[in-house]
Every structure is written in C-alpha cells, then in structure tokens.
C-alpha cells in the first residue's frame, strides 16, 4: 500500500507505515516519482515470477 496524502509531517508518515504502508508520498504528487516508486515495489514480485 502506498499512501498518497496531503499530510507532510514525519509523524504522519510514521503512522501511515505503522498502518501497513510500504511508501508515503505527499501532495503534490510528481507522476514520475509515483511511477518509479510503484516500479520499485513491484520489482521483487516480478523477479520471483517464473519465466514464460
């Protein structure tokens, strides 16, 4: 779970991570950063997939 939020305090990020977030991005969201973070979190999953 990646949180996209207007909250910016370190306490907010810590709370989000405690709730299960693997990443935390504050608005305004940069699309390039969002896509790279999603790709980063999907990379280990994709590496475990068996080749076709």
PDB file of N, CA and C in Angstrom:
ATOM      1  N   UNK A   1       0.855  -1.158   0.000  1.00  0.00           N
ATOM      2  CA  UNK A   1       0.000   0.000   0.000  1.00  0.00           C
ATOM      3  C   UNK A   1       0.906   1.228   0.000  1.00  0.00           C
ATOM      4  N   UNK A   2       0.648   2.132  -0.905  1.00  0.00           N
ATOM      5  CA  UNK A   2       1.364   3.400  -0.977  1.00  0.00           C
ATOM      6  C   UNK A   2       0.380   4.502  -0.625  1.00  0.00           C
ATOM      7  N   UNK A   3       0.710   5.285   0.375  1.00  0.00           N
ATOM      8  CA  UNK A   3      -0.169   6.386   0.766  1.00  0.00           C
ATOM      9  C   UNK A   3       0.155   7.613  -0.077  1.00  0.00           C
ATOM     10  N   UNK A   4      -0.877   8.217  -0.658  1.00  0.00           N
ATOM     11  CA  UNK A   4      -0.786   9.492  -1.353  1.00  0.00           C
ATOM     12  C   UNK A   4      -1.619  10.455  -0.538  1.00  0.00           C
ATOM     13  N   UNK A   5      -0.986  11.462   0.049  1.00  0.00           N
ATOM     14  CA  UNK A   5      -1.678  12.282   1.024  1.00  0.00           C
ATOM     15  C   UNK A   5      -1.207  13.730   0.998  1.00  0.00           C
ATOM     16  N   UNK A   6      -2.003  14.597   1.593  1.00  0.00           N
ATOM     17  CA  UNK A   6      -1.610  15.992   1.757  1.00  0.00           C
ATOM     18  C   UNK A   6      -0.795  16.177   3.037  1.00  0.00           C
ATOM     19  N   UNK A   7      -0.762  15.164   3.866  1.00  0.00           N
ATOM     20  CA  UNK A   7      -0.020  15.259   5.121  1.00  0.00           C
ATOM     21  C   UNK A   7       1.475  15.186   4.847  1.00  0.00           C
ATOM     22  N   UNK A   8       2.249  15.978   5.595  1.00  0.00           N
ATOM     23  CA  UNK A   8       3.679  16.076   5.320  1.00  0.00           C
ATOM     24  C   UNK A   8       4.570  15.850   6.541  1.00  0.00           C
ATOM     25  N   UNK A   9       3.983  15.765   7.713  1.00  0.00           N
ATOM     26  CA  UNK A   9       4.806  15.642   8.922  1.00  0.00           C
ATOM     27  C   UNK A   9       5.393  14.238   9.039  1.00  0.00           C
ATOM     28  N   UNK A  10       6.550  14.158   9.663  1.00  0.00           N
ATOM     29  CA  UNK A  10       7.203  12.865   9.887  1.00  0.00           C
ATOM     30  C   UNK A  10       6.292  11.944  10.695  1.00  0.00           C
ATOM     31  N   UNK A  11       5.525  12.511  11.626  1.00  0.00           N
ATOM     32  CA  UNK A  11       4.611  11.716  12.436  1.00  0.00           C
ATOM     33  C   UNK A  11       3.517  11.075  11.576  1.00  0.00           C
ATOM     34  N   UNK A  12       3.071  11.815  10.544  1.00  0.00           N
ATOM     35  CA  UNK A  12       2.054  11.282   9.646  1.00  0.00           C
ATOM     36  C   UNK A  12       2.600  10.097   8.859  1.00  0.00           C
ATOM     37  N   UNK A  13       3.836  10.219   8.383  1.00  0.00           N
ATOM     38  CA  UNK A  13       4.449   9.114   7.650  1.00  0.00           C
ATOM     39  C   UNK A  13       4.638   7.906   8.560  1.00  0.00           C
ATOM     40  N   UNK A  14       5.092   8.140   9.782  1.00  0.00           N
ATOM     41  CA  UNK A  14       5.281   7.034  10.723  1.00  0.00           C
ATOM     42  C   UNK A  14       3.951   6.325  10.993  1.00  0.00           C
ATOM     43  N   UNK A  15       2.881   7.092  11.129  1.00  0.00           N
ATOM     44  CA  UNK A  15       1.573   6.491  11.361  1.00  0.00           C
ATOM     45  C   UNK A  15       1.124   5.674  10.147  1.00  0.00           C
ATOM     46  N   UNK A  16       1.343   6.221   8.954  1.00  0.00           N
ATOM     47  CA  UNK A  16       0.982   5.502   7.738  1.00  0.00           C
ATOM     48  C   UNK A  16       1.731   4.190   7.608  1.00  0.00           C
ATOM     49  N   UNK A  17       3.018   4.224   7.900  1.00  0.00           N
ATOM     50  CA  UNK A  17       3.815   2.998   7.827  1.00  0.00           C
ATOM     51  C   UNK A  17       3.371   1.993   8.893  1.00  0.00           C
ATOM     52  N   UNK A  18       2.995   2.496  10.063  1.00  0.00           N
ATOM     53  CA  UNK A  18       2.504   1.607  11.122  1.00  0.00           C
ATOM     54  C   UNK A  18       1.186   0.939  10.711  1.00  0.00           C
ATOM     55  N   UNK A  19       0.449   1.604   9.844  1.00  0.00           N
ATOM     56  CA  UNK A  19      -0.820   1.048   9.355  1.00  0.00           C
ATOM     57  C   UNK A  19      -0.632   0.108   8.170  1.00  0.00           C
ATOM     58  N   UNK A  20       0.618  -0.039   7.708  1.00  0.00           N
ATOM     59  CA  UNK A  20       0.892  -1.000   6.644  1.00  0.00           C
ATOM     60  C   UNK A  20       1.397  -0.431   5.341  1.00  0.00           C
ATOM     61  N   UNK A  21       1.606   0.866   5.269  1.00  0.00           N
ATOM     62  CA  UNK A  21       2.113   1.456   4.027  1.00  0.00           C
ATOM     63  C   UNK A  21       3.559   1.039   3.789  1.00  0.00           C
ATOM     64  N   UNK A  22       3.892   0.764   2.523  1.00  0.00           N
ATOM     65  CA  UNK A  22       5.281   0.483   2.170  1.00  0.00           C
ATOM     66  C   UNK A  22       5.957   1.751   1.663  1.00  0.00           C
ATOM     67  N   UNK A  23       5.148   2.766   1.347  1.00  0.00           N
ATOM     68  CA  UNK A  23       5.678   4.048   0.901  1.00  0.00           C
ATOM     69  C   UNK A  23       4.671   5.130   1.217  1.00  0.00           C
ATOM     70  N   UNK A  24       5.132   6.379   1.191  1.00  0.00           N
ATOM     71  CA  UNK A  24       4.315   7.506   1.631  1.00  0.00           C
ATOM     72  C   UNK A  24       4.714   8.699   0.779  1.00  0.00           C
ATOM     73  N   UNK A  25       3.802   9.200  -0.037  1.00  0.00           N
ATOM     74  CA  UNK A  25       4.085  10.358  -0.881  1.00  0.00           C
ATOM     75  C   UNK A  25       3.127  11.484  -0.532  1.00  0.00           C
ATOM     76  N   UNK A  26       3.678  12.690  -0.386  1.00  0.00           N
ATOM     77  CA  UNK A  26       2.864  13.863  -0.068  1.00  0.00           C
ATOM     78  C   UNK A  26       2.537  14.639  -1.332  1.00  0.00           C
ATOM     79  N   UNK A  27       1.346  15.229  -1.342  1.00  0.00           N
ATOM     80  CA  UNK A  27       0.904  16.057  -2.463  1.00  0.00           C
ATOM     81  C   UNK A  27       1.683  17.363  -2.473  1.00  0.00           C
ATOM     82  N   UNK A  28       1.907  17.948  -3.615  1.00  0.00           N
ATOM     83  CA  UNK A  28       1.511  17.495  -4.932  1.00  0.00           C
ATOM     84  C   UNK A  28       2.372  16.308  -5.368  1.00  0.00           C
ATOM     85  N   UNK A  29       1.739  15.335  -5.961  1.00  0.00           N
ATOM     86  CA  UNK A  29       2.418  14.113  -6.380  1.00  0.00           C
ATOM     87  C   UNK A  29       3.062  14.334  -7.750  1.00  0.00           C
ATOM     88  N   UNK A  30       4.334  14.013  -7.834  1.00  0.00           N
ATOM     89  CA  UNK A  30       5.054  14.050  -9.100  1.00  0.00           C
ATOM     90  C   UNK A  30       4.825  12.697  -9.767  1.00  0.00           C
ATOM     91  N   UNK A  31       4.183  12.669 -10.944  1.00  0.00           N
ATOM     92  CA  UNK A  31       3.888  11.384 -11.587  1.00  0.00           C
ATOM     93  C   UNK A  31       5.129  10.516 -11.800  1.00  0.00           C
ATOM     94  N   UNK A  32       6.246  11.109 -12.157  1.00  0.00           N
ATOM     95  CA  UNK A  32       7.466  10.335 -12.358  1.00  0.00           C
ATOM     96  C   UNK A  32       7.931   9.647 -11.090  1.00  0.00           C
ATOM     97  N   UNK A  33       7.849  10.356  -9.977  1.00  0.00           N
ATOM     98  CA  UNK A  33       8.232   9.777  -8.687  1.00  0.00           C
ATOM     99  C   UNK A  33       7.264   8.656  -8.320  1.00  0.00           C
ATOM    100  N   UNK A  34       5.976   8.887  -8.515  1.00  0.00           N
ATOM    101  CA  UNK A  34       4.982   7.862  -8.205  1.00  0.00           C
ATOM    102  C   UNK A  34       5.239   6.592  -9.013  1.00  0.00           C
ATOM    103  N   UNK A  35       5.426   6.734 -10.315  1.00  0.00           N
ATOM    104  CA  UNK A  35       5.645   5.556 -11.162  1.00  0.00           C
ATOM    105  C   UNK A  35       6.928   4.834 -10.793  1.00  0.00           C
ATOM    106  N   UNK A  36       7.981   5.579 -10.458  1.00  0.00           N
ATOM    107  CA  UNK A  36       9.234   4.909 -10.086  1.00  0.00           C
ATOM    108  C   UNK A  36       9.095   4.183  -8.751  1.00  0.00           C
ATOM    109  N   UNK A  37       8.345   4.754  -7.814  1.00  0.00           N
ATOM    110  CA  UNK A  37       8.132   4.077  -6.534  1.00  0.00           C
ATOM    111  C   UNK A  37       7.310   2.802  -6.711  1.00  0.00           C
ATOM    112  N   UNK A  38       6.271   2.870  -7.552  1.00  0.00           N
ATOM    113  CA  UNK A  38       5.462   1.677  -7.808  1.00  0.00           C
ATOM    114  C   UNK A  38       6.336   0.602  -8.453  1.00  0.00           C
ATOM    115  N   UNK A  39       7.130   0.987  -9.433  1.00  0.00           N
ATOM    116  CA  UNK A  39       8.018   0.027 -10.105  1.00  0.00           C
ATOM    117  C   UNK A  39       9.007  -0.575  -9.118  1.00  0.00           C
ATOM    118  N   UNK A  40       9.540   0.236  -8.221  1.00  0.00           N
ATOM    119  CA  UNK A  40      10.495  -0.245  -7.228  1.00  0.00           C
ATOM    120  C   UNK A  40       9.850  -1.306  -6.328  1.00  0.00           C
ATOM    121  N   UNK A  41       8.613  -1.082  -5.932  1.00  0.00           N
ATOM    122  CA  UNK A  41       7.943  -2.029  -5.041  1.00  0.00           C
ATOM    123  C   UNK A  41       7.466  -3.281  -5.779  1.00  0.00           C
ATOM    124  N   UNK A  42       7.253  -3.177  -7.080  1.00  0.00           N
ATOM    125  CA  UNK A  42       6.835  -4.340  -7.859  1.00  0.00           C
ATOM    126  C   UNK A  42       8.019  -5.183  -8.330  1.00  0.00           C
ATOM    127  N   UNK A  43       9.205  -4.614  -8.373  1.00  0.00           N
ATOM    128  CA  UNK A  43      10.389  -5.319  -8.891  1.00  0.00           C
ATOM    129  C   UNK A  43      10.642  -6.663  -8.183  1.00  0.00           C
ATOM    130  N   UNK A  44      10.629  -6.726  -6.853  1.00  0.00           N
ATOM    131  CA  UNK A  44      10.862  -8.029  -6.214  1.00  0.00           C
ATOM    132  C   UNK A  44       9.787  -9.056  -6.583  1.00  0.00           C
ATOM    133  N   UNK A  45       8.559  -8.632  -6.695  1.00  0.00           N
ATOM    134  CA  UNK A  45       7.476  -9.545  -7.083  1.00  0.00           C
ATOM    135  C   UNK A  45       7.702 -10.047  -8.492  1.00  0.00           C
ATOM    136  N   UNK A  46       8.069  -9.158  -9.391  1.00  0.00           N
ATOM    137  CA  UNK A  46       8.283  -9.546 -10.772  1.00  0.00           C
ATOM    138  C   UNK A  46       9.499 -10.451 -10.910  1.00  0.00           C
ATOM    139  N   UNK A  47      10.495 -10.273 -10.076  1.00  0.00           N
ATOM    140  CA  UNK A  47      11.695 -11.109 -10.122  1.00  0.00           C
ATOM    141  C   UNK A  47      11.399 -12.549  -9.712  1.00  0.00           C
ATOM    142  N   UNK A  48      10.375 -12.739  -8.891  1.00  0.00           N
ATOM    143  CA  UNK A  48      10.016 -14.079  -8.415  1.00  0.00           C
ATOM    144  C   UNK A  48       9.175 -14.856  -9.420  1.00  0.00           C
ATOM    145  N   UNK A  49       8.627 -14.163 -10.380  1.00  0.00           N
ATOM    146  CA  UNK A  49       7.787 -14.835 -11.374  1.00  0.00           C
ATOM    147  C   UNK A  49       8.620 -15.757 -12.232  1.00  0.00           C
ATOM    148  N   UNK A  50       8.044 -16.873 -12.549  1.00  0.00           N
ATOM    149  CA  UNK A  50       8.723 -17.840 -13.419  1.00  0.00           C
ATOM    150  C   UNK A  50       8.750 -17.308 -14.840  1.00  0.00           C
ATOM    151  N   UNK A  51       9.856 -17.515 -15.550  1.00  0.00           N
ATOM    152  CA  UNK A  51       9.905 -17.060 -16.949  1.00  0.00           C
ATOM    153  C   UNK A  51       8.884 -17.831 -17.787  1.00  0.00           C
ATOM    154  N   UNK A  52       8.365 -17.153 -18.795  1.00  0.00           N
ATOM    155  CA  UNK A  52       7.357 -17.784 -19.666  1.00  0.00           C
ATOM    156  C   UNK A  52       7.973 -18.794 -20.579  1.00  0.00           C
TER     157      UNK A  52
END
